Amino acid sequence: MEQIRLNTKIKDLLHKGTVIPAHPLALDDNRNLDEERQRRLTRYYIASGAGGVAVGVHTTQFEIRKPGINLLETVLRLAAEEIEEARLTYPFIKVAGVVGPTSSALKEAALAVKYGYNLGLVSLGGLSDYSETDLIEHVRAISQIIPIFGFYLQPAVGGRILSFNFWKQFVEIPNVHAMKVAAFNRYQTLDVVRALCNSARRNQIALYTGNDDNIVADLLTPYRFKVNGELVEKRFVGGLLGHWAVWTKRAIELLAEIKGCLGGNGEGMDKLLAKGIAVTDMNEVIFDASNSFHGCIPGIHEVLRRQGLLEGRWCLNPKEELSNGQMEEIDRIYKQYPELTDDAFVERFLAKDKESAWHGSK
């Protein structure tokens, strides 16, 4: 298969920085795909003003790949169809999750290309028997099929430590265009950013924050290193987040506020840092950090259920449910931070969406 290159308009948006929600999976009470709500979720992200979506990633549930379930192609297709039917006049980034050993990852990358996805978010999880050299070759092989959105899943959330030398090699792969870091550990995060700053490709790869405990500060912080006597700076320009699968309209406003602060000599920094603590509080509850993230997907689903975007919290794995006390904590953050929720926007969106569907059926 001929190597796919990244569209210039998509590349420009990627480097400008945007909000990319990780797309959930809508199920009915029999744990079958709820296609109507799956499509509606995609329309919600578009209506919110997101710059893209990531489909087939952890938030979409890895079980979609299991024999007997086989929903990966379906969810990739549904999101692609909704984006196409929206007839957008601006770029919208389609990211497809690519997981597993090389043989299956190559098939997933080809599937993503089939449905017009711009980038493959390559997860290195579950490849514990691969050496760092093996992992580099794995990514090189995938990059021959689809542009790469790299992903450092740190040990804090079930990943593995990857060395500075690994990231030096990773960023030199020509078809790598973005890096997502779930930046829990600042030392491990520095390995990625320092490797990028020391590369001649530093301006060709955009940095995105992943889900972690310091999202706002990630987006405000400059990383600066002396490279051959020159001061080089990189920043996280946007986020690809499960957290941004909910309250997405507010996430877009937050990123705009952060960019405004950075463009205005830091004006409003204190306010944003304080807001960042609220975001972390909400993130801890939704993602169930106190229980090793056991309830993270049900937590996302519960918010979407309350808003009417999902019918229930059901996951493909029946054991995935809210942890004890998580529901009460969701009640708490709703009361404490109403300004960071987008329920009123969702209500208007649903009313308009249902009206459009009714007219479309006439």
Protein backbone atom coordinates (compact mmCIF):
# COMPACT_ATOMS: atom_id res chain seq x y z
CA MET A 1 0.00 0.00 0.00
CA GLU A 2 1.27 3.47 -0.91
CA GLN A 3 2.26 5.60 2.08
CA ILE A 4 -0.38 8.22 2.92
CA ARG A 5 0.87 11.76 3.50
CA LEU A 6 -0.78 14.24 5.84
CA ASN A 7 -3.03 16.83 4.20
CA THR A 8 -1.62 20.36 4.53
CA LYS A 9 -4.77 21.84 6.08
CA ILE A 10 -4.94 19.00 8.61
CA LYS A 11 -1.27 19.49 9.42
CA ASP A 12 -1.78 23.22 9.95
CA LEU A 13 -4.66 22.62 12.36
CA LEU A 14 -2.69 19.94 14.19
CA HIS A 15 0.17 22.39 14.79
CA LYS A 16 -2.10 25.29 15.67
CA GLY A 17 -3.53 23.10 18.43
CA THR A 18 -7.07 21.88 18.92
CA VAL A 19 -9.46 19.79 21.00
CA ILE A 20 -9.68 16.13 19.95
CA PRO A 21 -12.16 14.16 22.08
CA ALA A 22 -11.63 10.41 22.43
CA HIS A 23 -14.89 8.99 21.05
CA PRO A 24 -16.97 6.78 23.39
CA LEU A 25 -19.03 3.74 22.38
CA ALA A 26 -22.82 3.97 22.61
CA LEU A 27 -24.49 0.71 23.65
CA ASP A 28 -28.06 -0.32 24.41
CA ASP A 29 -29.17 -2.29 27.46
CA ASN A 30 -28.28 -5.55 25.68
CA ARG A 31 -24.73 -4.23 25.21
CA ASN A 32 -25.23 -4.01 21.46
CA LEU A 33 -24.17 -1.00 19.44
CA ASP A 34 -26.67 1.87 19.58
CA GLU A 35 -25.98 3.24 16.10
CA GLU A 36 -28.29 6.23 16.41
CA ARG A 37 -26.58 7.49 19.57
CA GLN A 38 -23.13 6.58 18.24
CA ARG A 39 -23.73 8.84 15.26
CA ARG A 40 -25.24 11.54 17.47
CA LEU A 41 -22.11 11.61 19.65
CA THR A 42 -20.01 12.39 16.57
CA ARG A 43 -22.43 15.17 15.63
CA TYR A 44 -22.18 16.55 19.18
CA TYR A 45 -18.40 16.82 18.93
CA ILE A 46 -18.70 18.55 15.56
CA ALA A 47 -21.38 20.94 16.88
CA SER A 48 -19.25 21.71 19.94
CA GLY A 49 -16.47 23.01 17.71
CA ALA A 50 -13.96 20.21 18.29
CA GLY A 51 -11.09 20.06 15.85
CA GLY A 52 -11.36 16.32 15.39
CA VAL A 53 -12.20 13.01 17.01
CA ALA A 54 -10.20 9.91 17.94
CA VAL A 55 -12.04 6.65 17.29
CA GLY A 56 -11.06 3.10 18.20
CA VAL A 57 -9.00 4.27 21.18
CA HIS A 58 -9.30 3.28 24.86
CA THR A 59 -12.43 5.38 25.40
CA THR A 60 -14.07 3.52 22.50
CA GLN A 61 -13.28 0.29 24.45
CA PHE A 62 -10.58 -2.06 23.22
CA GLU A 63 -13.07 -4.94 23.38
CA ILE A 64 -14.51 -3.72 20.04
CA ARG A 65 -11.68 -5.75 18.46
CA LYS A 66 -12.60 -9.06 20.08
CA PRO A 67 -13.88 -11.92 17.88
CA GLY A 68 -17.63 -12.08 18.20
CA ILE A 69 -17.85 -8.33 18.81
CA ASN A 70 -15.93 -7.02 15.78
CA LEU A 71 -17.04 -3.39 16.02
CA LEU A 72 -13.81 -1.63 15.06
CA GLU A 73 -14.64 -1.19 11.39
CA THR A 74 -18.22 -0.21 12.22
CA VAL A 75 -17.29 2.60 14.61
CA LEU A 76 -14.61 3.90 12.23
CA ARG A 77 -17.15 3.92 9.41
CA LEU A 78 -19.96 5.57 11.39
CA ALA A 79 -17.80 8.46 12.55
CA ALA A 80 -16.37 8.95 9.06
CA GLU A 81 -19.87 8.99 7.54
CA GLU A 82 -21.14 11.58 10.02
CA ILE A 83 -18.14 13.82 9.38
CA GLU A 84 -18.66 13.48 5.63
CA GLU A 85 -22.39 14.21 5.93
CA ALA A 86 -21.66 17.36 7.96
CA ARG A 87 -20.09 18.87 4.81
CA LEU A 88 -17.65 20.89 6.86
CA THR A 89 -15.94 23.82 5.22
CA TYR A 90 -12.95 23.62 7.57
CA PRO A 91 -10.43 20.88 8.40
CA PHE A 92 -11.46 18.23 10.92
CA ILE A 93 -8.87 15.73 12.15
CA LYS A 94 -9.82 12.07 12.08
CA VAL A 95 -7.60 9.93 14.31
CA ALA A 96 -7.93 6.14 14.43
CA GLY A 97 -6.58 4.03 17.26
CA VAL A 98 -4.04 1.43 16.10
CA VAL A 99 -3.19 -1.29 18.61
CA GLY A 100 -1.73 -4.76 18.93
CA PRO A 101 1.24 -6.61 17.45
CA THR A 102 2.59 -5.49 14.10
CA SER A 103 0.58 -7.88 11.94
CA SER A 104 -2.79 -6.77 13.34
CA ALA A 105 -1.71 -3.12 13.72
CA LEU A 106 -0.93 -2.96 10.00
CA LYS A 107 -4.43 -4.24 9.22
CA GLU A 108 -5.97 -1.62 11.53
CA ALA A 109 -3.90 1.12 9.87
CA ALA A 110 -5.11 0.00 6.45
CA LEU A 111 -8.70 -0.01 7.72
CA ALA A 112 -8.28 3.55 8.99
CA VAL A 113 -6.99 4.65 5.60
CA LYS A 114 -9.96 2.96 3.93
CA TYR A 115 -12.31 5.28 5.84
CA GLY A 116 -10.26 8.41 5.29
CA TYR A 117 -8.61 8.78 8.70
CA ASN A 118 -5.75 11.26 8.75
CA LEU A 119 -3.60 9.78 11.51
CA GLY A 120 -3.15 6.57 13.45
CA LEU A 121 -2.77 6.92 17.23
CA VAL A 122 -0.34 4.08 17.86
CA SER A 123 -0.66 2.48 21.27
CA LEU A 124 2.38 0.53 22.42
CA GLY A 125 0.45 -1.07 25.28
CA GLY A 126 0.33 -4.84 25.45
CA LEU A 127 3.65 -5.24 23.61
CA SER A 128 5.72 -6.08 26.67
CA ASP A 129 7.70 -8.71 24.76
CA TYR A 130 8.87 -6.08 22.24
CA SER A 131 12.25 -4.46 22.88
CA GLU A 132 12.62 -0.73 22.27
CA THR A 133 14.24 -1.59 18.92
CA ASP A 134 11.26 -3.81 18.09
CA LEU A 135 8.87 -0.99 18.96
CA ILE A 136 10.67 1.46 16.67
CA GLU A 137 10.45 -1.01 13.80
CA HIS A 138 6.78 -1.58 14.66
CA VAL A 139 6.04 2.15 14.36
CA ARG A 140 8.13 2.44 11.17
CA ALA A 141 6.06 -0.30 9.57
CA ILE A 142 2.76 1.37 10.51
CA SER A 143 4.05 4.73 9.28
CA GLN A 144 4.38 3.26 5.80
CA ILE A 145 0.59 3.04 5.75
CA ILE A 146 -0.72 6.02 7.74
CA PRO A 147 0.72 9.20 9.33
CA ILE A 148 1.56 8.60 12.98
CA PHE A 149 0.20 10.22 16.13
CA GLY A 150 2.59 8.84 18.75
CA PHE A 151 1.46 8.04 22.28
CA TYR A 152 3.46 7.70 25.50
CA LEU A 153 1.25 5.75 27.88
CA GLN A 154 3.22 6.19 31.09
CA PRO A 155 3.41 3.59 33.89
CA ALA A 156 1.02 5.65 36.06
CA VAL A 157 -1.80 4.51 33.78
CA GLY A 158 -0.59 1.04 32.86
CA GLY A 159 2.13 1.78 30.32
CA ARG A 160 5.87 1.13 30.42
CA ILE A 161 8.93 3.34 30.75
CA LEU A 162 10.53 4.16 27.41
CA SER A 163 13.97 5.71 27.34
CA PHE A 164 15.22 9.04 26.05
CA ASN A 165 17.09 7.11 23.35
CA PHE A 166 13.83 5.48 22.27
CA TRP A 167 12.16 8.85 21.78
CA LYS A 168 15.21 10.20 19.93
CA GLN A 169 14.69 7.42 17.37
CA PHE A 170 10.88 7.74 17.40
CA VAL A 171 10.78 11.43 16.46
CA GLU A 172 13.12 10.81 13.51
CA ILE A 173 10.53 8.58 11.79
CA PRO A 174 9.53 10.77 8.81
CA ASN A 175 5.77 10.13 8.93
CA VAL A 176 5.38 10.97 12.65
CA HIS A 177 3.41 14.22 12.88
CA ALA A 178 2.19 14.43 16.50
CA MET A 179 2.96 13.08 19.97
CA LYS A 180 0.46 12.54 22.76
CA VAL A 181 1.87 12.28 26.27
CA ALA A 182 -0.22 11.27 29.28
CA ALA A 183 2.09 13.49 31.27
CA PHE A 184 1.69 12.16 34.82
CA ASN A 185 5.43 11.80 35.36
CA ARG A 186 7.35 14.98 34.53
CA TYR A 187 10.69 13.17 34.32
CA GLN A 188 9.34 10.76 31.70
CA THR A 189 7.63 13.62 29.90
CA LEU A 190 10.93 15.49 29.72
CA ASP A 191 12.45 12.52 27.88
CA VAL A 192 9.93 12.95 25.06
CA VAL A 193 10.10 16.75 24.82
CA ARG A 194 13.89 16.92 25.13
CA ALA A 195 14.28 14.29 22.42
CA LEU A 196 11.96 16.30 20.19
CA CYS A 197 13.74 19.60 20.88
CA ASN A 198 17.07 17.96 19.97
CA SER A 199 15.69 16.72 16.65
CA ALA A 200 15.81 18.51 13.31
CA ARG A 201 12.13 17.49 13.04
CA ARG A 202 11.13 19.53 16.10
CA ASN A 203 8.92 21.86 14.08
CA GLN A 204 7.29 19.00 12.18
CA ILE A 205 5.79 17.26 15.23
CA ALA A 206 2.98 18.74 17.34
CA LEU A 207 2.77 17.95 21.07
CA TYR A 208 -0.60 17.01 22.58
CA THR A 209 -1.43 16.36 26.19
CA GLY A 210 -3.13 13.12 27.11
CA ASN A 211 -5.37 12.44 30.04
CA ASP A 212 -3.55 13.28 33.27
CA ASP A 213 -3.79 15.21 36.53
CA ASN A 214 -2.53 18.58 35.26
CA ILE A 215 -4.20 19.28 31.92
CA VAL A 216 -4.35 23.08 32.11
CA ALA A 217 -0.78 23.45 33.35
CA ASP A 218 0.36 21.10 30.56
CA LEU A 219 -1.04 23.57 28.05
CA LEU A 220 0.43 26.63 29.76
CA THR A 221 3.97 25.36 30.31
CA PRO A 222 6.87 26.14 27.95
CA TYR A 223 9.57 23.47 27.63
CA ARG A 224 12.93 25.09 26.84
CA PHE A 225 16.28 23.44 26.17
CA LYS A 226 19.65 24.65 24.95
CA VAL A 227 20.45 22.81 21.72
CA ASN A 228 23.80 23.61 20.12
CA GLY A 229 23.82 26.96 21.86
CA GLU A 230 20.29 27.81 20.69
CA LEU A 231 17.29 28.02 23.04
CA VAL A 232 14.59 25.72 21.68
CA GLU A 233 11.01 25.80 22.97
CA LYS A 234 8.12 23.37 22.56
CA ARG A 235 4.63 23.49 24.05
CA PHE A 236 1.66 21.20 24.24
CA VAL A 237 -0.60 22.90 21.71
CA GLY A 238 -3.79 20.88 22.27
CA GLY A 239 -5.19 17.72 23.75
CA LEU A 240 -6.43 14.31 22.68
CA LEU A 241 -8.36 13.35 25.77
CA GLY A 242 -10.97 11.02 27.16
CA HIS A 243 -11.71 13.84 29.60
CA TRP A 244 -12.68 16.02 26.65
CA ALA A 245 -15.24 13.42 25.52
CA VAL A 246 -17.52 15.14 28.04
CA TRP A 247 -18.29 18.84 28.51
CA THR A 248 -16.59 19.30 25.14
CA LYS A 249 -17.93 22.79 24.50
CA ARG A 250 -16.26 23.98 27.71
CA ALA A 251 -13.00 22.26 26.74
CA ILE A 252 -12.94 24.24 23.50
CA GLU A 253 -13.55 27.48 25.39
CA LEU A 254 -10.83 26.54 27.87
CA LEU A 255 -8.23 25.94 25.17
CA ALA A 256 -9.16 29.27 23.56
CA GLU A 257 -8.72 30.99 26.93
CA ILE A 258 -5.31 29.37 27.37
CA LYS A 259 -4.20 30.49 23.92
CA GLY A 260 -5.44 33.98 24.67
CA CYS A 261 -3.41 34.03 27.89
CA LEU A 262 -0.25 32.86 26.13
CA GLY A 263 -0.78 35.43 23.39
CA GLY A 264 -1.35 38.21 25.90
CA ASN A 265 1.84 38.07 27.95
CA GLY A 266 0.35 35.76 30.57
CA GLU A 267 -2.66 37.90 31.44
CA GLY A 268 -5.16 35.76 33.35
CA MET A 269 -2.60 33.07 34.27
CA ASP A 270 -3.68 32.91 37.94
CA LYS A 271 -7.31 32.44 36.95
CA LEU A 272 -6.39 29.65 34.55
CA LEU A 273 -4.19 27.85 37.07
CA ALA A 274 -7.04 27.97 39.58
CA LYS A 275 -9.40 26.63 36.90
CA GLY A 276 -6.84 23.91 36.27
CA ILE A 277 -7.29 22.67 39.84
CA ALA A 278 -11.05 22.45 39.27
CA VAL A 279 -10.44 20.52 36.04
CA THR A 280 -8.16 18.12 37.92
CA ASP A 281 -10.83 17.61 40.60
CA MET A 282 -13.40 16.80 37.93
CA ASN A 283 -10.93 14.56 36.12
CA GLU A 284 -10.14 12.61 39.28
CA VAL A 285 -13.84 11.87 39.78
CA ILE A 286 -14.80 11.04 36.20
CA PHE A 287 -11.72 8.87 35.69
CA ASP A 288 -11.92 7.26 39.11
CA ALA A 289 -8.25 7.90 39.84
CA SER A 290 -8.64 6.90 43.49
CA ASN A 291 -9.56 3.38 42.32
CA SER A 292 -6.76 3.00 39.76
CA PHE A 293 -9.05 4.31 36.99
CA HIS A 294 -11.37 1.30 37.21
CA GLY A 295 -14.48 3.43 36.58
CA CYS A 296 -13.07 5.77 33.94
CA ILE A 297 -15.22 4.68 30.98
CA PRO A 298 -18.42 4.32 33.06
CA GLY A 299 -17.63 7.76 34.50
CA ILE A 300 -17.58 9.28 31.01
CA HIS A 301 -20.76 7.39 30.16
CA GLU A 302 -22.55 8.61 33.28
CA VAL A 303 -22.00 12.25 32.31
CA LEU A 304 -23.20 11.59 28.77
CA ARG A 305 -26.19 9.65 30.15
CA ARG A 306 -27.20 12.55 32.39
CA GLN A 307 -27.05 14.85 29.40
CA GLY A 308 -29.18 12.57 27.24
CA LEU A 309 -26.43 11.72 24.78
CA LEU A 310 -26.30 8.09 25.94
CA GLU A 311 -29.09 5.88 27.21
CA GLY A 312 -26.99 4.22 29.90
CA ARG A 313 -23.50 3.49 31.21
CA TRP A 314 -23.21 0.03 29.67
CA CYS A 315 -19.80 -1.22 28.59
CA LEU A 316 -18.90 -4.27 26.54
CA ASN A 317 -17.25 -5.69 29.65
CA PRO A 318 -20.07 -6.11 32.23
CA LYS A 319 -17.52 -5.73 35.03
CA GLU A 320 -16.84 -2.13 34.03
CA GLU A 321 -19.08 -0.04 36.27
CA LEU A 322 -18.81 2.96 38.53
CA SER A 323 -16.78 2.35 41.67
CA ASN A 324 -18.32 2.65 45.13
CA GLY A 325 -18.88 6.33 45.87
CA GLN A 326 -18.12 7.50 42.32
CA MET A 327 -21.74 8.45 41.60
CA GLU A 328 -21.85 10.64 44.71
CA GLU A 329 -18.59 12.28 43.66
CA ILE A 330 -20.04 13.02 40.22
CA ASP A 331 -22.99 14.68 41.98
CA ARG A 332 -20.49 16.75 43.99
CA ILE A 333 -18.48 18.07 41.05
CA TYR A 334 -21.68 18.90 39.17
CA LYS A 335 -22.77 21.09 42.08
CA GLN A 336 -19.33 22.56 42.65
CA TYR A 337 -18.34 23.42 39.08
CA PRO A 338 -21.48 24.15 37.03
CA GLU A 339 -19.54 26.68 34.95
CA LEU A 340 -17.34 23.86 33.62
CA THR A 341 -20.22 21.72 32.36
CA ASP A 342 -21.99 22.19 29.03
CA ASP A 343 -25.42 20.73 29.85
CA ALA A 344 -27.33 23.74 28.51
CA PHE A 345 -25.44 23.54 25.21
CA VAL A 346 -26.15 19.80 24.95
CA GLU A 347 -29.85 20.41 25.60
CA ARG A 348 -29.97 22.88 22.71
CA PHE A 349 -27.94 20.56 20.52
CA LEU A 350 -30.27 17.60 21.16
CA ALA A 351 -33.37 19.66 20.43
CA LYS A 352 -31.90 20.92 17.16
CA ASP A 353 -30.54 17.49 16.24
CA LYS A 354 -33.90 15.79 16.79
CA GLU A 355 -35.66 18.48 14.77
CA SER A 356 -33.19 17.98 11.91
CA ALA A 357 -33.73 14.21 12.06
CA TRP A 358 -37.53 14.72 11.96
CA HIS A 359 -37.31 16.99 8.91
CA GLY A 360 -34.92 14.55 7.25
CA SER A 361 -37.47 11.75 7.59
CA LYS A 362 -40.27 13.72 5.95
